[in-house]
C-alpha atoms as a PDB file:
ATOM      1  CA  MET A   1       0.000   0.000   0.000  1.00  0.00           C
ATOM      2  CA  VAL A   2       1.316   3.419  -1.007  1.00  0.00           C
ATOM      3  CA  TYR A   3      -0.540   6.630  -0.285  1.00  0.00           C
ATOM      4  CA  ARG A   4      -1.330   8.956  -3.193  1.00  0.00           C
ATOM      5  CA  LEU A   5      -1.101  12.627  -2.259  1.00  0.00           C
ATOM      6  CA  PHE A   6      -2.666  15.080  -4.692  1.00  0.00           C
ATOM      7  CA  ILE A   7      -1.108  18.528  -4.544  1.00  0.00           C
ATOM      8  CA  ALA A   8      -0.803  21.739  -6.567  1.00  0.00           C
ATOM      9  CA  ASN A   9       2.167  23.990  -7.319  1.00  0.00           C
ATOM     10  CA  LYS A  10       4.833  23.699  -4.628  1.00  0.00           C
ATOM     11  CA  ASN A  11       5.742  27.333  -5.146  1.00  0.00           C
ATOM     12  CA  TYR A  12       2.342  28.524  -3.919  1.00  0.00           C
ATOM     13  CA  SER A  13       0.314  25.778  -2.250  1.00  0.00           C
ATOM     14  CA  SER A  14       0.876  26.066   1.484  1.00  0.00           C
ATOM     15  CA  TRP A  15      -1.856  23.560   2.302  1.00  0.00           C
ATOM     16  CA  SER A  16      -0.322  20.985  -0.037  1.00  0.00           C
ATOM     17  CA  MET A  17       3.033  21.550   1.636  1.00  0.00           C
ATOM     18  CA  ARG A  18       1.879  20.478   5.088  1.00  0.00           C
ATOM     19  CA  PRO A  19       1.063  16.771   4.550  1.00  0.00           C
ATOM     20  CA  TRP A  20       3.790  16.416   1.901  1.00  0.00           C
ATOM     21  CA  VAL A  21       6.461  17.613   4.336  1.00  0.00           C
ATOM     22  CA  LEU A  22       5.073  15.381   7.077  1.00  0.00           C
ATOM     23  CA  LEU A  23       5.110  12.289   4.876  1.00  0.00           C
ATOM     24  CA  ARG A  24       8.633  13.036   3.678  1.00  0.00           C
ATOM     25  CA  ALA A  25       9.957  13.895   7.151  1.00  0.00           C
ATOM     26  CA  LEU A  26       8.630  10.637   8.612  1.00  0.00           C
ATOM     27  CA  ASP A  27       9.851   8.665   5.577  1.00  0.00           C
ATOM     28  CA  LEU A  28       6.381   7.306   4.817  1.00  0.00           C
ATOM     29  CA  PRO A  29       6.080   6.000   1.239  1.00  0.00           C
ATOM     30  CA  PHE A  30       3.704   7.948  -0.981  1.00  0.00           C
ATOM     31  CA  GLU A  31       3.088   8.837  -4.603  1.00  0.00           C
ATOM     32  CA  GLU A  32       2.934  12.536  -5.386  1.00  0.00           C
ATOM     33  CA  VAL A  33       0.314  13.568  -7.957  1.00  0.00           C
ATOM     34  CA  MET A  34       0.849  17.149  -9.111  1.00  0.00           C
ATOM     35  CA  THR A  35      -1.939  19.138 -10.774  1.00  0.00           C
ATOM     36  CA  PRO A  36      -0.904  22.779 -11.393  1.00  0.00           C
ATOM     37  CA  PHE A  37      -3.222  25.694 -10.739  1.00  0.00           C
ATOM     38  CA  GLU A  38      -5.088  26.673 -13.884  1.00  0.00           C
ATOM     39  CA  GLY A  39      -4.328  30.384 -13.732  1.00  0.00           C
ATOM     40  CA  ASP A  40      -7.919  31.620 -13.866  1.00  0.00           C
ATOM     41  CA  GLY A  41      -9.095  30.950 -10.324  1.00  0.00           C
ATOM     42  CA  GLN A  42     -11.196  27.985 -11.493  1.00  0.00           C
ATOM     43  CA  GLN A  43      -9.546  24.764 -10.379  1.00  0.00           C
ATOM     44  CA  SER A  44     -11.922  22.433 -12.217  1.00  0.00           C
ATOM     45  CA  ALA A  45      -9.232  19.784 -12.736  1.00  0.00           C
ATOM     46  CA  PHE A  46      -9.055  19.244  -8.976  1.00  0.00           C
ATOM     47  CA  ALA A  47     -12.597  17.855  -8.982  1.00  0.00           C
ATOM     48  CA  ALA A  48     -11.271  14.682 -10.583  1.00  0.00           C
ATOM     49  CA  PHE A  49      -9.605  13.651  -7.319  1.00  0.00           C
ATOM     50  CA  SER A  50     -11.074  15.858  -4.563  1.00  0.00           C
ATOM     51  CA  PRO A  51     -14.740  16.175  -3.525  1.00  0.00           C
ATOM     52  CA  THR A  52     -14.160  19.877  -2.758  1.00  0.00           C
ATOM     53  CA  ALA A  53     -12.019  20.502  -5.863  1.00  0.00           C
ATOM     54  CA  LYS A  54      -9.242  21.662  -3.546  1.00  0.00           C
ATOM     55  CA  VAL A  55      -5.800  20.439  -2.535  1.00  0.00           C
ATOM     56  CA  PRO A  56      -4.365  18.575  -0.758  1.00  0.00           C
ATOM     57  CA  CYS A  57      -6.229  15.299  -1.042  1.00  0.00           C
ATOM     58  CA  LEU A  58      -4.990  11.901   0.109  1.00  0.00           C
ATOM     59  CA  HIS A  59      -6.085   8.629  -1.482  1.00  0.00           C
ATOM     60  CA  ASP A  60      -5.485   5.370   0.360  1.00  0.00           C
ATOM     61  CA  GLU A  61      -6.964   2.802  -2.006  1.00  0.00           C
ATOM     62  CA  ALA A  62     -10.731   3.460  -1.732  1.00  0.00           C
ATOM     63  CA  VAL A  63     -10.402   5.957   1.149  1.00  0.00           C
ATOM     64  CA  VAL A  64     -10.356   9.653   0.205  1.00  0.00           C
ATOM     65  CA  VAL A  65      -9.268  12.269   2.776  1.00  0.00           C
ATOM     66  CA  TRP A  66      -9.557  15.852   1.582  1.00  0.00           C
ATOM     67  CA  GLU A  67      -8.547  18.244   4.378  1.00  0.00           C
ATOM     68  CA  SER A  68      -4.976  18.791   5.530  1.00  0.00           C
ATOM     69  CA  LEU A  69      -5.659  18.310   9.229  1.00  0.00           C
ATOM     70  CA  ALA A  70      -7.877  15.308   8.517  1.00  0.00           C
ATOM     71  CA  ILE A  71      -5.024  13.850   6.447  1.00  0.00           C
ATOM     72  CA  VAL A  72      -2.701  14.304   9.414  1.00  0.00           C
ATOM     73  CA  GLU A  73      -5.110  12.523  11.749  1.00  0.00           C
ATOM     74  CA  TYR A  74      -5.707   9.747   9.229  1.00  0.00           C
ATOM     75  CA  LEU A  75      -1.971   9.151   8.942  1.00  0.00           C
ATOM     76  CA  ALA A  76      -1.634   9.183  12.730  1.00  0.00           C
ATOM     77  CA  GLU A  77      -3.982   6.208  13.040  1.00  0.00           C
ATOM     78  CA  ALA A  78      -1.432   4.031  11.260  1.00  0.00           C
ATOM     79  CA  HIS A  79       1.735   5.936  12.183  1.00  0.00           C
ATOM     80  CA  PRO A  80       1.872   7.091  15.835  1.00  0.00           C
ATOM     81  CA  SER A  81       5.029   9.150  15.230  1.00  0.00           C
ATOM     82  CA  VAL A  82       2.865  11.723  13.440  1.00  0.00           C
ATOM     83  CA  TRP A  83       2.143  13.216  16.895  1.00  0.00           C
ATOM     84  CA  PRO A  84       4.375  13.440  19.987  1.00  0.00           C
ATOM     85  CA  ALA A  85       4.428  10.366  22.222  1.00  0.00           C
ATOM     86  CA  ALA A  86       3.801  12.236  25.499  1.00  0.00           C
ATOM     87  CA  SER A  87       0.132  13.031  26.086  1.00  0.00           C
ATOM     88  CA  ALA A  88       0.683  16.646  27.189  1.00  0.00           C
ATOM     89  CA  ALA A  89       2.870  17.396  24.187  1.00  0.00           C
ATOM     90  CA  ARG A  90       0.417  15.614  21.905  1.00  0.00           C
ATOM     91  CA  ALA A  91      -2.512  17.654  23.225  1.00  0.00           C
ATOM     92  CA  TRP A  92      -0.586  20.916  22.803  1.00  0.00           C
ATOM     93  CA  ALA A  93       0.536  19.964  19.301  1.00  0.00           C
ATOM     94  CA  ARG A  94      -3.022  19.171  18.259  1.00  0.00           C
ATOM     95  CA  CYS A  95      -4.271  22.498  19.647  1.00  0.00           C
ATOM     96  CA  ALA A  96      -1.523  24.470  17.909  1.00  0.00           C
ATOM     97  CA  SER A  97      -2.146  22.633  14.644  1.00  0.00           C
ATOM     98  CA  ALA A  98      -5.881  23.278  14.807  1.00  0.00           C
ATOM     99  CA  GLU A  99      -5.204  26.946  15.562  1.00  0.00           C
ATOM    100  CA  MET A 100      -3.002  27.165  12.463  1.00  0.00           C
ATOM    101  CA  HIS A 101      -5.644  25.403  10.384  1.00  0.00           C
ATOM    102  CA  ALA A 102      -8.449  27.745  11.470  1.00  0.00           C
ATOM    103  CA  GLY A 103      -6.638  30.934  12.440  1.00  0.00           C
ATOM    104  CA  PHE A 104      -3.922  33.391  11.414  1.00  0.00           C
ATOM    105  CA  ALA A 105      -6.221  34.767   8.704  1.00  0.00           C
ATOM    106  CA  ALA A 106      -4.326  38.036   8.257  1.00  0.00           C
ATOM    107  CA  LEU A 107      -0.993  36.244   7.889  1.00  0.00           C
ATOM    108  CA  ARG A 108      -2.420  33.953   5.232  1.00  0.00           C
ATOM    109  CA  ASP A 109      -4.188  36.801   3.435  1.00  0.00           C
ATOM    110  CA  GLU A 110      -1.483  39.454   3.466  1.00  0.00           C
ATOM    111  CA  CYS A 111       1.506  37.137   3.036  1.00  0.00           C
ATOM    112  CA  SER A 112       0.517  34.497   0.490  1.00  0.00           C
ATOM    113  CA  MET A 113       3.159  31.800   0.186  1.00  0.00           C
ATOM    114  CA  ASN A 114       5.686  32.025  -2.607  1.00  0.00           C
ATOM    115  CA  CYS A 115       8.862  29.971  -2.337  1.00  0.00           C
ATOM    116  CA  SER A 116      10.612  32.037  -5.008  1.00  0.00           C
ATOM    117  CA  LEU A 117      10.009  35.682  -4.146  1.00  0.00           C
ATOM    118  CA  SER A 118      11.395  37.989  -1.486  1.00  0.00           C
ATOM    119  CA  ILE A 119       8.960  40.860  -1.025  1.00  0.00           C
ATOM    120  CA  ASP A 120       9.211  44.100   0.923  1.00  0.00           C
ATOM    121  CA  LEU A 121       6.234  43.768   3.265  1.00  0.00           C
ATOM    122  CA  GLY A 122       6.342  47.288   4.620  1.00  0.00           C
ATOM    123  CA  ALA A 123       4.516  48.135   7.829  1.00  0.00           C
ATOM    124  CA  PRO A 124       2.222  45.237   8.813  1.00  0.00           C
ATOM    125  CA  SER A 125      -1.457  45.930   9.304  1.00  0.00           C
ATOM    126  CA  ALA A 126      -2.898  45.841  12.812  1.00  0.00           C
ATOM    127  CA  ALA A 127      -4.455  42.446  12.090  1.00  0.00           C
ATOM    128  CA  LEU A 128      -1.187  41.029  10.779  1.00  0.00           C
ATOM    129  CA  GLY A 129       0.698  42.448  13.746  1.00  0.00           C
ATOM    130  CA  LYS A 130      -1.720  40.659  16.078  1.00  0.00           C
ATOM    131  CA  ASP A 131      -1.226  37.374  14.207  1.00  0.00           C
ATOM    132  CA  LEU A 132       2.551  37.715  14.388  1.00  0.00           C
ATOM    133  CA  ALA A 133       2.463  38.439  18.107  1.00  0.00           C
ATOM    134  CA  ARG A 134       0.326  35.349  18.671  1.00  0.00           C
ATOM    135  CA  LEU A 135       2.620  33.249  16.486  1.00  0.00           C
ATOM    136  CA  ASP A 136       5.664  34.404  18.436  1.00  0.00           C
ATOM    137  CA  ALA A 137       3.996  33.607  21.767  1.00  0.00           C
ATOM    138  CA  LEU A 138       2.748  30.213  20.588  1.00  0.00           C
ATOM    139  CA  TRP A 139       6.123  29.090  19.300  1.00  0.00           C
ATOM    140  CA  GLN A 140       7.853  30.374  22.439  1.00  0.00           C
ATOM    141  CA  GLU A 141       5.392  28.440  24.583  1.00  0.00           C
ATOM    142  CA  GLY A 142       5.993  25.175  22.751  1.00  0.00           C
ATOM    143  CA  LEU A 143       9.764  25.509  22.740  1.00  0.00           C
ATOM    144  CA  ASP A 144       9.901  26.472  26.431  1.00  0.00           C
ATOM    145  CA  THR A 145       7.420  23.852  27.605  1.00  0.00           C
ATOM    146  CA  PHE A 146       8.730  20.844  25.707  1.00  0.00           C
ATOM    147  CA  GLY A 147      12.412  21.742  25.423  1.00  0.00           C
ATOM    148  CA  GLY A 148      12.801  21.938  21.636  1.00  0.00           C
ATOM    149  CA  PRO A 149      14.363  21.895  19.193  1.00  0.00           C
ATOM    150  CA  TRP A 150      10.943  21.268  17.600  1.00  0.00           C
ATOM    151  CA  LEU A 151       7.692  22.758  18.782  1.00  0.00           C
ATOM    152  CA  ALA A 152       6.553  19.782  20.839  1.00  0.00           C
ATOM    153  CA  GLY A 153       9.878  18.275  21.829  1.00  0.00           C
ATOM    154  CA  ASP A 154      12.893  16.591  20.311  1.00  0.00           C
ATOM    155  CA  ALA A 155      11.111  15.010  17.315  1.00  0.00           C
ATOM    156  CA  PHE A 156       9.723  16.650  14.166  1.00  0.00           C
ATOM    157  CA  THR A 157       5.960  15.981  14.198  1.00  0.00           C
ATOM    158  CA  ALA A 158       2.770  17.161  12.528  1.00  0.00           C
ATOM    159  CA  VAL A 159       2.717  20.481  14.366  1.00  0.00           C
ATOM    160  CA  ASP A 160       6.050  21.415  12.771  1.00  0.00           C
ATOM    161  CA  ALA A 161       4.772  20.412   9.339  1.00  0.00           C
ATOM    162  CA  MET A 162       1.683  22.579   9.897  1.00  0.00           C
ATOM    163  CA  PHE A 163       3.888  25.630  10.456  1.00  0.00           C
ATOM    164  CA  ALA A 164       6.416  24.909   7.680  1.00  0.00           C
ATOM    165  CA  PRO A 165       4.694  27.289   5.195  1.00  0.00           C
ATOM    166  CA  VAL A 166       4.815  30.008   7.856  1.00  0.00           C
ATOM    167  CA  ALA A 167       8.594  29.745   7.871  1.00  0.00           C
ATOM    168  CA  VAL A 168       8.559  30.287   4.096  1.00  0.00           C
ATOM    169  CA  ARG A 169       6.437  33.393   4.610  1.00  0.00           C
ATOM    170  CA  ILE A 170       8.673  34.750   7.371  1.00  0.00           C
ATOM    171  CA  ARG A 171      11.728  34.541   5.142  1.00  0.00           C
ATOM    172  CA  GLY A 172       9.963  35.676   1.978  1.00  0.00           C
ATOM    173  CA  TYR A 173       8.414  38.786   3.502  1.00  0.00           C
ATOM    174  CA  GLY A 174      11.301  39.683   5.809  1.00  0.00           C
ATOM    175  CA  ILE A 175       9.210  39.232   8.955  1.00  0.00           C
ATOM    176  CA  GLU A 176      10.996  39.578  12.294  1.00  0.00           C
ATOM    177  CA  LEU A 177       9.916  37.678  15.394  1.00  0.00           C
ATOM    178  CA  GLY A 178      11.638  37.042  18.717  1.00  0.00           C
ATOM    179  CA  THR A 179      14.990  35.319  18.997  1.00  0.00           C
ATOM    180  CA  ALA A 180      13.606  31.850  19.759  1.00  0.00           C
ATOM    181  CA  ALA A 181      10.994  32.038  16.996  1.00  0.00           C
ATOM    182  CA  MET A 182      13.543  33.177  14.422  1.00  0.00           C
ATOM    183  CA  ALA A 183      15.903  30.354  15.386  1.00  0.00           C
ATOM    184  CA  TYR A 184      13.033  27.893  15.049  1.00  0.00           C
ATOM    185  CA  THR A 185      12.212  29.379  11.634  1.00  0.00           C
ATOM    186  CA  GLU A 186      15.751  28.663  10.488  1.00  0.00           C
ATOM    187  CA  ARG A 187      15.547  25.086  11.791  1.00  0.00           C
ATOM    188  CA  LEU A 188      12.325  24.551   9.861  1.00  0.00           C
ATOM    189  CA  LEU A 189      13.777  25.977   6.660  1.00  0.00           C
ATOM    190  CA  ALA A 190      16.860  23.779   7.045  1.00  0.00           C
ATOM    191  CA  HIS A 191      14.891  20.561   7.550  1.00  0.00           C
ATOM    192  CA  PRO A 192      15.566  18.289   4.540  1.00  0.00           C
ATOM    193  CA  ALA A 193      11.868  17.796   3.746  1.00  0.00           C
ATOM    194  CA  VAL A 194      11.167  21.531   3.869  1.00  0.00           C
ATOM    195  CA  THR A 195      14.280  22.346   1.840  1.00  0.00           C
ATOM    196  CA  GLU A 196      13.309  19.772  -0.777  1.00  0.00           C
ATOM    197  CA  TRP A 197       9.815  21.237  -1.159  1.00  0.00           C
ATOM    198  CA  ILE A 198      11.138  24.790  -1.489  1.00  0.00           C
ATOM    199  CA  GLU A 199      13.798  23.864  -4.032  1.00  0.00           C
ATOM    200  CA  GLN A 200      11.296  21.953  -6.145  1.00  0.00           C
ATOM    201  CA  GLY A 201       8.870  24.857  -5.932  1.00  0.00           C
ATOM    202  CA  ILE A 202      11.485  27.279  -7.171  1.00  0.00           C
ATOM    203  CA  ALA A 203      12.347  24.918 -10.047  1.00  0.00           C
ATOM    204  CA  GLU A 204       8.751  24.536 -11.271  1.00  0.00           C
ATOM    205  CA  PRO A 205       8.066  25.664 -14.841  1.00  0.00           C
ATOM    206  CA  TRP A 206       4.666  27.176 -14.031  1.00  0.00           C
ATOM    207  CA  ILE A 207       4.038  30.777 -13.003  1.00  0.00           C
ATOM    208  CA  ASP A 208       0.455  31.306 -11.946  1.00  0.00           C
ATOM    209  CA  GLY A 209      -0.659  34.894 -12.561  1.00  0.00           C
ATOM    210  CA  PRO A 210      -3.326  35.193  -9.835  1.00  0.00           C
ATOM    211  CA  HIS A 211      -1.026  33.760  -7.184  1.00  0.00           C
ATOM    212  CA  GLU A 212       1.858  36.012  -8.229  1.00  0.00           C
ATOM    213  CA  ALA A 213      -0.371  39.084  -8.116  1.00  0.00           C
ATOM    214  CA  ASP A 214      -1.753  38.101  -4.712  1.00  0.00           C
ATOM    215  CA  CYS A 215       1.780  37.846  -3.343  1.00  0.00           C
ATOM    216  CA  ILE A 216       3.093  41.085  -4.825  1.00  0.00           C
ATOM    217  CA  ARG A 217       0.095  43.454  -4.485  1.00  0.00           C
ATOM    218  CA  GLY A 218       2.156  46.344  -5.771  1.00  0.00           C
ATOM    219  CA  ARG A 219       4.883  45.795  -3.187  1.00  0.00           C
ATOM    220  CA  ARG A 220       8.552  45.844  -4.092  1.00  0.00           C
ATOM    221  CA  VAL A 221      10.034  42.487  -5.099  1.00  0.00           C
ATOM    222  CA  ARG A 222      13.516  42.327  -3.630  1.00  0.00           C
ATOM    223  CA  ALA A 223      14.526  39.009  -5.217  1.00  0.00           C
ATOM    224  CA  ASP A 224      13.207  36.213  -7.426  1.00  0.00           C
ATOM    225  CA  ARG A 225      14.999  32.897  -6.950  1.00  0.00           C
ATOM    226  CA  ARG A 226      13.653  31.341 -10.140  1.00  0.00           C
ATOM    227  CA  LYS A 227      16.138  30.791 -12.912  1.00  0.00           C
ATOM    228  CA  PRO A 228      15.342  32.403 -16.254  1.00  0.00           C
ATOM    229  CA  ALA A 229      13.667  30.042 -18.724  1.00  0.00           C
END
């Protein structure tokens, strides 16, 4: 049995990144099925494999799991290392993951993920500033409580995979957090699974206009890591 994980462009798709990084980090065998964004906001091709026509979507033979956090929990049923072994750390990791899944709306809206671009964010909005303060406090809490180097202890688990796209955003938009949070960001970016995703995203041949525009929004692009065609 090999899982099939349906994803979209690695350069842009933060939700696809989360289960992909988790599967890779835990060395769980899976087949990646890439379907690029269509460039017009209508992702009709995704309906062929996902009941919501969204990514990511996991197929395990006849079982279809179509939400990132549900994918994590489905994997955890067969692979306990998805979550921390200690009950307190596991409970915290689940709470933090659910908060990422449902919250941080301003961060997701104002700093869309792009593995290739470095963008001058400028002064953050009040809503974004609130999200960043909460992110800093949350990461500090996990690192202090469970001893690091990962959010819920000494092993990379689902909660780290859930925040991997945030690390891409922090670097791409030049966001500054506290010392511990910035060090954790660098650890995330240096993790082999995260590095692999980012490098493959940068190397993709597709540039999706709506996603590019949503990232730039008239702001200054400081660098583009993509090689010229």
